[in-house]
Amino acid sequence: TGLMKTQDGKIWGMADGVLFIFDPVLKEVLRTQRIHEPPSRGGHIWRSAFLVMHSNGYVYGTGGNWLFRIDPRSLEVNMLEENASLLAMDGKGDLYFKRNTELWRYKVSEK
């Protein structure tokens, strides 16, 4: 779940807590990185992860009950918020996620 096309034409996605970067021209996975452990019990796998590319150059996502940031060059992951699911970004670059039954906003730095 959580497919995203980047400006260089690569496809980023998540599967069972693993980030993958796919090259549709070569038809191969270029890199993988475990972001979180897969859920121990069943769930709604069809919407378990979300990814967005921010104008600051980082990829932000939710999965495994976390909001996280990924450096696209090194694939270093920083966990930002726990108890986070779903994800959307507005035109100003603010992120919105669900925590329980509440909508939360995460203001992202441009640096």
Protein backbone atom coordinates (compact mmCIF):
# COMPACT_ATOMS: atom_id res chain seq x y z
CA THR A 1 0.00 0.00 0.00
CA GLY A 2 1.05 3.62 0.00
CA LEU A 3 2.32 3.93 -3.58
CA MET A 4 3.87 7.24 -4.64
CA LYS A 5 5.52 8.30 -7.91
CA THR A 6 8.54 10.58 -7.49
CA GLN A 7 9.82 13.26 -9.88
CA ASP A 8 12.51 10.90 -11.20
CA GLY A 9 9.81 8.42 -12.25
CA LYS A 10 10.50 5.86 -9.52
CA ILE A 11 7.66 4.27 -7.56
CA TRP A 12 7.92 4.19 -3.76
CA GLY A 13 5.66 1.85 -1.84
CA MET A 14 5.22 -0.01 1.42
CA ALA A 15 4.49 -3.70 2.00
CA ASP A 16 4.27 -5.22 5.50
CA GLY A 17 6.42 -2.43 6.97
CA VAL A 18 9.08 -2.50 4.24
CA LEU A 19 9.66 0.51 2.01
CA PHE A 20 10.61 -0.34 -1.56
CA ILE A 21 11.74 1.79 -4.49
CA PHE A 22 10.76 0.37 -7.86
CA ASP A 23 12.07 1.43 -11.27
CA PRO A 24 9.23 0.94 -13.79
CA VAL A 25 11.61 1.21 -16.76
CA LEU A 26 13.98 -1.50 -15.52
CA LYS A 27 11.07 -3.36 -13.89
CA GLU A 28 13.06 -4.04 -10.74
CA VAL A 29 13.19 -3.08 -7.08
CA LEU A 30 16.21 -0.84 -6.53
CA ARG A 31 16.21 -0.53 -2.73
CA THR A 32 14.34 -1.71 0.33
CA GLN A 33 14.32 -0.52 3.94
CA ARG A 34 12.35 -1.85 6.91
CA ILE A 35 10.39 1.06 8.39
CA HIS A 36 8.40 -0.81 11.05
CA GLU A 37 7.49 -4.32 12.06
CA PRO A 38 4.43 -5.79 10.31
CA PRO A 39 1.24 -5.95 12.38
CA SER A 40 1.01 -8.99 14.62
CA ARG A 41 -2.69 -9.37 13.94
CA GLY A 42 -4.85 -8.87 10.90
CA GLY A 43 -5.97 -5.44 9.88
CA HIS A 44 -6.94 -3.34 6.92
CA ILE A 45 -3.82 -4.04 4.87
CA TRP A 46 -5.33 -2.28 1.87
CA ARG A 47 -4.65 1.03 3.61
CA SER A 48 -1.85 0.31 6.03
CA ALA A 49 0.63 2.91 4.74
CA PHE A 50 0.62 6.36 3.17
CA LEU A 51 3.53 8.29 1.63
CA VAL A 52 3.92 11.93 0.51
CA MET A 53 6.87 13.87 -0.90
CA HIS A 54 7.33 17.20 0.87
CA SER A 55 8.84 20.30 -0.74
CA ASN A 56 11.66 20.15 1.87
CA GLY A 57 12.95 17.03 0.09
CA TYR A 58 11.88 14.45 2.68
CA VAL A 59 9.29 11.71 2.29
CA TYR A 60 6.72 11.55 5.07
CA GLY A 61 4.55 8.57 5.77
CA THR A 62 2.36 6.70 8.16
CA GLY A 63 2.45 2.99 8.83
CA GLY A 64 2.69 0.66 11.80
CA ASN A 65 0.87 3.27 13.88
CA TRP A 66 3.64 5.86 13.29
CA LEU A 67 4.14 9.14 11.44
CA PHE A 68 7.70 9.05 10.10
CA ARG A 69 10.15 10.98 7.92
CA ILE A 70 12.52 9.35 5.40
CA ASP A 71 15.64 10.89 3.92
CA PRO A 72 15.35 9.83 0.26
CA ARG A 73 19.12 9.74 -0.23
CA SER A 74 20.12 7.58 2.75
CA LEU A 75 16.69 6.05 3.58
CA GLU A 76 17.32 7.07 7.21
CA VAL A 77 14.02 6.97 9.08
CA ASN A 78 12.95 9.24 11.93
CA MET A 79 9.82 8.33 13.85
CA LEU A 80 7.93 11.55 14.58
CA GLU A 81 4.57 10.72 16.15
CA GLU A 82 3.11 7.54 17.61
CA ASN A 83 -0.54 6.51 17.28
CA ALA A 84 -0.79 7.97 13.77
CA SER A 85 -2.60 6.59 10.75
CA LEU A 86 -3.87 7.81 7.39
CA LEU A 87 -2.06 10.84 5.94
CA ALA A 88 -2.73 13.88 3.78
CA MET A 89 -0.73 17.02 2.98
CA ASP A 90 -2.18 20.45 2.25
CA GLY A 91 -0.87 23.09 -0.17
CA LYS A 92 1.24 24.69 2.58
CA GLY A 93 3.00 21.40 3.34
CA ASP A 94 1.27 20.73 6.66
CA LEU A 95 0.55 17.06 7.30
CA TYR A 96 -2.72 15.71 8.64
CA PHE A 97 -3.16 12.30 10.24
CA LYS A 98 -5.68 10.40 12.31
CA ARG A 99 -5.11 9.66 15.99
CA ASN A 100 -7.94 7.53 17.36
CA THR A 101 -11.03 9.53 16.32
CA GLU A 102 -9.26 12.89 16.09
CA LEU A 103 -7.67 14.73 13.17
CA TRP A 104 -4.16 16.02 13.98
CA ARG A 105 -1.93 18.47 12.13
CA TYR A 106 1.87 18.21 12.00
CA LYS A 107 3.67 21.38 10.91
CA VAL A 108 6.73 20.51 8.84
CA SER A 109 9.88 22.62 8.75
CA GLU A 110 11.18 23.54 5.31
CA LYS A 111 14.72 22.67 6.47
